[in-house]
């Protein structure tokens, strides 16, 4: 019930923003972006192929809901998560766990080239990548923002080339302010769910 209330509230907020933007004479491209925010088929957010999205959220709840909704479609999905209990009942979803544990489908948070390699070898045209542990990766790489920016940049380039979708979930409060702003600058699509 709570998620249904959230969805309808979110939809109402976007509709109000569209109305205000039109009244204020704001650029039509911005209005179009708002209109694309809600999919008429009932999905919370409509994503465009070839685009990358930064999801700002306290926990990974919104990211998980999005993956659950998208997994019902047939496109291939790669999930990189810190949550060892993260599961989706769909054959088109492959989960990699960001951990130091020696287990199947595990990747070390310090082995950034391996994350990039997994994406390139396991994701084909019109696929989706979801990463919910950038803040953890950032902390495990001694807060070297240039490593994180390089990873994000190479993944974004690949996603654009294969006409896929990249979703990165992040709690911006877990990073230094200037480092968060550098990551945010990499994305033209930022969805903020922190109040």
C-alpha atoms as a PDB file:
ATOM      1  CA  UNK A   1       0.000   0.000   0.000  1.00  0.00           C
ATOM      2  CA  UNK A   2       2.805   2.392   0.901  1.00  0.00           C
ATOM      3  CA  UNK A   3       4.530   2.055  -2.508  1.00  0.00           C
ATOM      4  CA  UNK A   4       1.239   2.704  -4.295  1.00  0.00           C
ATOM      5  CA  UNK A   5       0.838   5.929  -2.274  1.00  0.00           C
ATOM      6  CA  UNK A   6       4.392   6.888  -3.155  1.00  0.00           C
ATOM      7  CA  UNK A   7       3.832   6.215  -6.859  1.00  0.00           C
ATOM      8  CA  UNK A   8       0.656   8.287  -7.030  1.00  0.00           C
ATOM      9  CA  UNK A   9       2.294  11.091  -5.024  1.00  0.00           C
ATOM     10  CA  UNK A  10       5.317  11.032  -7.305  1.00  0.00           C
ATOM     11  CA  UNK A  11       3.086  11.131 -10.393  1.00  0.00           C
ATOM     12  CA  UNK A  12       1.093  14.074  -8.978  1.00  0.00           C
ATOM     13  CA  UNK A  13       4.308  15.952  -8.194  1.00  0.00           C
ATOM     14  CA  UNK A  14       5.625  15.491 -11.733  1.00  0.00           C
ATOM     15  CA  UNK A  15       2.258  16.559 -13.204  1.00  0.00           C
ATOM     16  CA  UNK A  16       2.310  19.736 -11.071  1.00  0.00           C
ATOM     17  CA  UNK A  17       5.892  20.442 -12.131  1.00  0.00           C
ATOM     18  CA  UNK A  18       4.884  20.094 -15.804  1.00  0.00           C
ATOM     19  CA  UNK A  19       1.956  22.481 -15.338  1.00  0.00           C
ATOM     20  CA  UNK A  20       4.154  25.059 -13.573  1.00  0.00           C
ATOM     21  CA  UNK A  21       6.899  24.719 -16.187  1.00  0.00           C
ATOM     22  CA  UNK A  22       4.401  25.353 -18.986  1.00  0.00           C
ATOM     23  CA  UNK A  23       2.915  28.371 -17.177  1.00  0.00           C
ATOM     24  CA  UNK A  24       6.359  29.843 -16.599  1.00  0.00           C
ATOM     25  CA  UNK A  25       7.384  29.319 -20.234  1.00  0.00           C
ATOM     26  CA  UNK A  26      10.297  27.027 -19.364  1.00  0.00           C
ATOM     27  CA  UNK A  27      12.224  25.408 -22.227  1.00  0.00           C
ATOM     28  CA  UNK A  28      10.241  22.650 -23.999  1.00  0.00           C
ATOM     29  CA  UNK A  29      13.155  20.196 -23.672  1.00  0.00           C
ATOM     30  CA  UNK A  30      12.883  20.417 -19.883  1.00  0.00           C
ATOM     31  CA  UNK A  31       9.110  19.907 -20.054  1.00  0.00           C
ATOM     32  CA  UNK A  32       9.611  16.900 -22.338  1.00  0.00           C
ATOM     33  CA  UNK A  33      12.097  15.453 -19.849  1.00  0.00           C
ATOM     34  CA  UNK A  34       9.510  15.799 -17.079  1.00  0.00           C
ATOM     35  CA  UNK A  35       6.846  14.177 -19.244  1.00  0.00           C
ATOM     36  CA  UNK A  36       9.150  11.241 -19.935  1.00  0.00           C
ATOM     37  CA  UNK A  37       9.687  10.819 -16.203  1.00  0.00           C
ATOM     38  CA  UNK A  38       6.458   8.829 -15.872  1.00  0.00           C
ATOM     39  CA  UNK A  39       5.658   5.858 -18.071  1.00  0.00           C
ATOM     40  CA  UNK A  40       1.974   5.489 -18.893  1.00  0.00           C
ATOM     41  CA  UNK A  41       2.223   1.691 -18.509  1.00  0.00           C
ATOM     42  CA  UNK A  42       2.476   2.043 -14.755  1.00  0.00           C
ATOM     43  CA  UNK A  43       6.219   2.065 -14.208  1.00  0.00           C
ATOM     44  CA  UNK A  44       7.404   4.665 -11.742  1.00  0.00           C
ATOM     45  CA  UNK A  45       9.992   6.143 -14.077  1.00  0.00           C
ATOM     46  CA  UNK A  46      10.527   5.825 -17.797  1.00  0.00           C
ATOM     47  CA  UNK A  47      14.142   5.278 -18.765  1.00  0.00           C
ATOM     48  CA  UNK A  48      15.601   5.919 -22.211  1.00  0.00           C
ATOM     49  CA  UNK A  49      18.020   3.574 -23.935  1.00  0.00           C
ATOM     50  CA  UNK A  50      21.522   4.958 -24.315  1.00  0.00           C
ATOM     51  CA  UNK A  51      21.176   7.012 -21.110  1.00  0.00           C
ATOM     52  CA  UNK A  52      22.755   6.847 -17.652  1.00  0.00           C
ATOM     53  CA  UNK A  53      20.950   7.764 -14.433  1.00  0.00           C
ATOM     54  CA  UNK A  54      22.173   8.649 -10.957  1.00  0.00           C
ATOM     55  CA  UNK A  55      19.613   7.728  -8.296  1.00  0.00           C
ATOM     56  CA  UNK A  56      20.141   9.610  -5.043  1.00  0.00           C
ATOM     57  CA  UNK A  57      18.527   7.668  -2.205  1.00  0.00           C
ATOM     58  CA  UNK A  58      19.043   6.882   1.451  1.00  0.00           C
ATOM     59  CA  UNK A  59      18.866   3.131   0.995  1.00  0.00           C
ATOM     60  CA  UNK A  60      18.592   1.084  -2.165  1.00  0.00           C
ATOM     61  CA  UNK A  61      14.810   0.690  -1.938  1.00  0.00           C
ATOM     62  CA  UNK A  62      13.969   2.679  -5.072  1.00  0.00           C
ATOM     63  CA  UNK A  63      16.725   0.988  -7.045  1.00  0.00           C
ATOM     64  CA  UNK A  64      15.443  -2.459  -6.008  1.00  0.00           C
ATOM     65  CA  UNK A  65      11.864  -1.521  -6.959  1.00  0.00           C
ATOM     66  CA  UNK A  66      13.031  -0.339 -10.355  1.00  0.00           C
ATOM     67  CA  UNK A  67      14.963  -3.586 -10.951  1.00  0.00           C
ATOM     68  CA  UNK A  68      11.932  -5.650  -9.893  1.00  0.00           C
ATOM     69  CA  UNK A  69       9.740  -3.754 -12.370  1.00  0.00           C
ATOM     70  CA  UNK A  70      12.253  -3.854 -15.210  1.00  0.00           C
ATOM     71  CA  UNK A  71      13.064  -7.552 -14.668  1.00  0.00           C
ATOM     72  CA  UNK A  72       9.546  -8.412 -15.864  1.00  0.00           C
ATOM     73  CA  UNK A  73      10.660  -7.245 -19.315  1.00  0.00           C
ATOM     74  CA  UNK A  74      12.979  -9.404 -21.383  1.00  0.00           C
ATOM     75  CA  UNK A  75      16.014  -7.138 -21.535  1.00  0.00           C
ATOM     76  CA  UNK A  76      19.222  -8.457 -19.939  1.00  0.00           C
ATOM     77  CA  UNK A  77      20.045  -6.954 -16.537  1.00  0.00           C
ATOM     78  CA  UNK A  78      23.318  -6.966 -14.602  1.00  0.00           C
ATOM     79  CA  UNK A  79      23.134  -6.035 -10.926  1.00  0.00           C
ATOM     80  CA  UNK A  80      26.218  -5.107  -8.893  1.00  0.00           C
ATOM     81  CA  UNK A  81      25.274  -4.978  -5.236  1.00  0.00           C
ATOM     82  CA  UNK A  82      26.727  -5.010  -1.762  1.00  0.00           C
ATOM     83  CA  UNK A  83      23.595  -6.739  -0.447  1.00  0.00           C
ATOM     84  CA  UNK A  84      24.315 -10.463  -0.347  1.00  0.00           C
ATOM     85  CA  UNK A  85      20.573 -11.201  -0.032  1.00  0.00           C
ATOM     86  CA  UNK A  86      19.612  -9.249  -3.148  1.00  0.00           C
ATOM     87  CA  UNK A  87      17.629 -11.609  -5.379  1.00  0.00           C
ATOM     88  CA  UNK A  88      15.300 -11.241  -8.335  1.00  0.00           C
ATOM     89  CA  UNK A  89      13.265 -14.159  -9.642  1.00  0.00           C
ATOM     90  CA  UNK A  90      13.973 -13.666 -13.312  1.00  0.00           C
ATOM     91  CA  UNK A  91      16.263 -15.526 -15.700  1.00  0.00           C
ATOM     92  CA  UNK A  92      17.331 -12.321 -17.465  1.00  0.00           C
ATOM     93  CA  UNK A  93      18.924 -10.871 -14.288  1.00  0.00           C
ATOM     94  CA  UNK A  94      22.515 -11.721 -13.376  1.00  0.00           C
ATOM     95  CA  UNK A  95      23.717 -10.580  -9.942  1.00  0.00           C
ATOM     96  CA  UNK A  96      27.322  -9.845  -8.983  1.00  0.00           C
ATOM     97  CA  UNK A  97      28.073  -9.251  -5.324  1.00  0.00           C
ATOM     98  CA  UNK A  98      30.556  -6.529  -4.375  1.00  0.00           C
ATOM     99  CA  UNK A  99      32.404  -8.230  -1.535  1.00  0.00           C
ATOM    100  CA  UNK A 100      35.745  -9.554  -0.348  1.00  0.00           C
ATOM    101  CA  UNK A 101      34.052 -12.925   0.302  1.00  0.00           C
ATOM    102  CA  UNK A 102      35.197 -15.846  -1.812  1.00  0.00           C
ATOM    103  CA  UNK A 103      31.888 -16.840  -3.369  1.00  0.00           C
ATOM    104  CA  UNK A 104      30.260 -17.369  -6.735  1.00  0.00           C
ATOM    105  CA  UNK A 105      29.603 -14.160  -8.702  1.00  0.00           C
ATOM    106  CA  UNK A 106      31.674 -12.105  -6.277  1.00  0.00           C
ATOM    107  CA  UNK A 107      33.843  -9.192  -7.307  1.00  0.00           C
ATOM    108  CA  UNK A 108      36.201  -7.297  -5.031  1.00  0.00           C
ATOM    109  CA  UNK A 109      35.335  -3.619  -4.477  1.00  0.00           C
ATOM    110  CA  UNK A 110      38.951  -2.744  -5.297  1.00  0.00           C
ATOM    111  CA  UNK A 111      38.997  -4.618  -8.614  1.00  0.00           C
ATOM    112  CA  UNK A 112      37.350  -1.929 -10.730  1.00  0.00           C
ATOM    113  CA  UNK A 113      38.657  -3.277 -14.035  1.00  0.00           C
ATOM    114  CA  UNK A 114      36.922  -6.578 -13.293  1.00  0.00           C
ATOM    115  CA  UNK A 115      33.582  -4.801 -12.796  1.00  0.00           C
ATOM    116  CA  UNK A 116      34.052  -3.077 -16.159  1.00  0.00           C
ATOM    117  CA  UNK A 117      35.090  -6.388 -17.765  1.00  0.00           C
ATOM    118  CA  UNK A 118      32.007  -8.203 -16.368  1.00  0.00           C
ATOM    119  CA  UNK A 119      29.788  -5.555 -17.906  1.00  0.00           C
ATOM    120  CA  UNK A 120      31.490  -5.742 -21.298  1.00  0.00           C
ATOM    121  CA  UNK A 121      31.417  -9.554 -21.444  1.00  0.00           C
ATOM    122  CA  UNK A 122      27.928 -10.122 -19.980  1.00  0.00           C
ATOM    123  CA  UNK A 123      25.835  -7.259 -21.351  1.00  0.00           C
ATOM    124  CA  UNK A 124      24.713  -7.021 -24.916  1.00  0.00           C
ATOM    125  CA  UNK A 125      22.573  -4.546 -26.844  1.00  0.00           C
ATOM    126  CA  UNK A 126      19.727  -2.861 -24.939  1.00  0.00           C
ATOM    127  CA  UNK A 127      20.788  -4.238 -21.574  1.00  0.00           C
ATOM    128  CA  UNK A 128      20.634  -2.579 -18.168  1.00  0.00           C
ATOM    129  CA  UNK A 129      23.342  -2.221 -15.508  1.00  0.00           C
ATOM    130  CA  UNK A 130      22.396  -1.393 -11.924  1.00  0.00           C
ATOM    131  CA  UNK A 131      25.083  -0.586  -9.332  1.00  0.00           C
ATOM    132  CA  UNK A 132      24.030   0.130  -5.752  1.00  0.00           C
ATOM    133  CA  UNK A 133      27.415   0.158  -4.057  1.00  0.00           C
ATOM    134  CA  UNK A 134      29.393   3.074  -5.510  1.00  0.00           C
ATOM    135  CA  UNK A 135      29.791   4.620  -2.045  1.00  0.00           C
ATOM    136  CA  UNK A 136      31.203   1.320  -0.718  1.00  0.00           C
ATOM    137  CA  UNK A 137      33.531   1.013  -3.729  1.00  0.00           C
ATOM    138  CA  UNK A 138      34.592   4.629  -3.141  1.00  0.00           C
ATOM    139  CA  UNK A 139      35.456   3.939   0.509  1.00  0.00           C
ATOM    140  CA  UNK A 140      37.287   0.697  -0.281  1.00  0.00           C
ATOM    141  CA  UNK A 141      39.433   2.502  -2.862  1.00  0.00           C
ATOM    142  CA  UNK A 142      40.677   4.937  -0.205  1.00  0.00           C
ATOM    143  CA  UNK A 143      38.301   7.616  -1.446  1.00  0.00           C
ATOM    144  CA  UNK A 144      40.228   8.006  -4.697  1.00  0.00           C
ATOM    145  CA  UNK A 145      37.544   9.721  -6.680  1.00  0.00           C
ATOM    146  CA  UNK A 146      39.496   9.566  -9.940  1.00  0.00           C
ATOM    147  CA  UNK A 147      39.194   5.734  -9.908  1.00  0.00           C
ATOM    148  CA  UNK A 148      35.430   5.914  -9.422  1.00  0.00           C
ATOM    149  CA  UNK A 149      35.041   8.593 -12.102  1.00  0.00           C
ATOM    150  CA  UNK A 150      37.064   6.499 -14.564  1.00  0.00           C
ATOM    151  CA  UNK A 151      34.896   3.442 -13.843  1.00  0.00           C
ATOM    152  CA  UNK A 152      31.673   5.428 -14.275  1.00  0.00           C
ATOM    153  CA  UNK A 153      32.955   7.076 -17.449  1.00  0.00           C
ATOM    154  CA  UNK A 154      34.005   3.807 -19.127  1.00  0.00           C
ATOM    155  CA  UNK A 155      30.716   2.119 -18.187  1.00  0.00           C
ATOM    156  CA  UNK A 156      28.713   5.105 -19.470  1.00  0.00           C
ATOM    157  CA  UNK A 157      30.591   5.016 -22.794  1.00  0.00           C
ATOM    158  CA  UNK A 158      29.918   1.309 -23.196  1.00  0.00           C
ATOM    159  CA  UNK A 159      26.242   1.690 -22.229  1.00  0.00           C
ATOM    160  CA  UNK A 160      25.848   4.458 -24.778  1.00  0.00           C
ATOM    161  CA  UNK A 161      27.497   2.358 -27.490  1.00  0.00           C
ATOM    162  CA  UNK A 162      25.253  -0.685 -26.917  1.00  0.00           C
ATOM    163  CA  UNK A 163      22.156   1.496 -26.441  1.00  0.00           C
ATOM    164  CA  UNK A 164      21.713   0.231 -22.895  1.00  0.00           C
ATOM    165  CA  UNK A 165      20.733   1.835 -19.594  1.00  0.00           C
ATOM    166  CA  UNK A 166      22.948   2.534 -16.569  1.00  0.00           C
ATOM    167  CA  UNK A 167      21.448   3.077 -13.107  1.00  0.00           C
ATOM    168  CA  UNK A 168      23.695   3.985 -10.192  1.00  0.00           C
ATOM    169  CA  UNK A 169      22.167   4.255  -6.727  1.00  0.00           C
ATOM    170  CA  UNK A 170      24.021   6.413  -4.234  1.00  0.00           C
ATOM    171  CA  UNK A 171      23.510   8.005  -0.840  1.00  0.00           C
ATOM    172  CA  UNK A 172      25.296  11.315  -1.448  1.00  0.00           C
ATOM    173  CA  UNK A 173      25.814  11.823   2.296  1.00  0.00           C
ATOM    174  CA  UNK A 174      28.361   8.967   2.373  1.00  0.00           C
ATOM    175  CA  UNK A 175      30.892  10.819   0.187  1.00  0.00           C
ATOM    176  CA  UNK A 176      32.876  14.013   0.574  1.00  0.00           C
ATOM    177  CA  UNK A 177      30.821  16.891  -0.826  1.00  0.00           C
ATOM    178  CA  UNK A 178      33.281  17.770  -3.614  1.00  0.00           C
ATOM    179  CA  UNK A 179      33.573  14.103  -4.652  1.00  0.00           C
ATOM    180  CA  UNK A 180      29.803  13.713  -4.764  1.00  0.00           C
ATOM    181  CA  UNK A 181      29.577  16.819  -6.966  1.00  0.00           C
ATOM    182  CA  UNK A 182      32.171  15.339  -9.351  1.00  0.00           C
ATOM    183  CA  UNK A 183      30.139  12.124  -9.643  1.00  0.00           C
ATOM    184  CA  UNK A 184      26.896  14.064 -10.086  1.00  0.00           C
ATOM    185  CA  UNK A 185      28.514  16.116 -12.859  1.00  0.00           C
ATOM    186  CA  UNK A 186      28.958  12.881 -14.850  1.00  0.00           C
ATOM    187  CA  UNK A 187      25.162  12.481 -15.152  1.00  0.00           C
ATOM    188  CA  UNK A 188      22.651  14.597 -16.998  1.00  0.00           C
ATOM    189  CA  UNK A 189      19.874  12.454 -15.467  1.00  0.00           C
ATOM    190  CA  UNK A 190      19.776  12.722 -11.663  1.00  0.00           C
ATOM    191  CA  UNK A 191      16.789  11.410  -9.709  1.00  0.00           C
ATOM    192  CA  UNK A 192      16.793  12.578  -6.087  1.00  0.00           C
ATOM    193  CA  UNK A 193      14.686  10.597  -3.601  1.00  0.00           C
ATOM    194  CA  UNK A 194      16.242  12.067  -0.442  1.00  0.00           C
ATOM    195  CA  UNK A 195      14.069  14.695   1.209  1.00  0.00           C
END
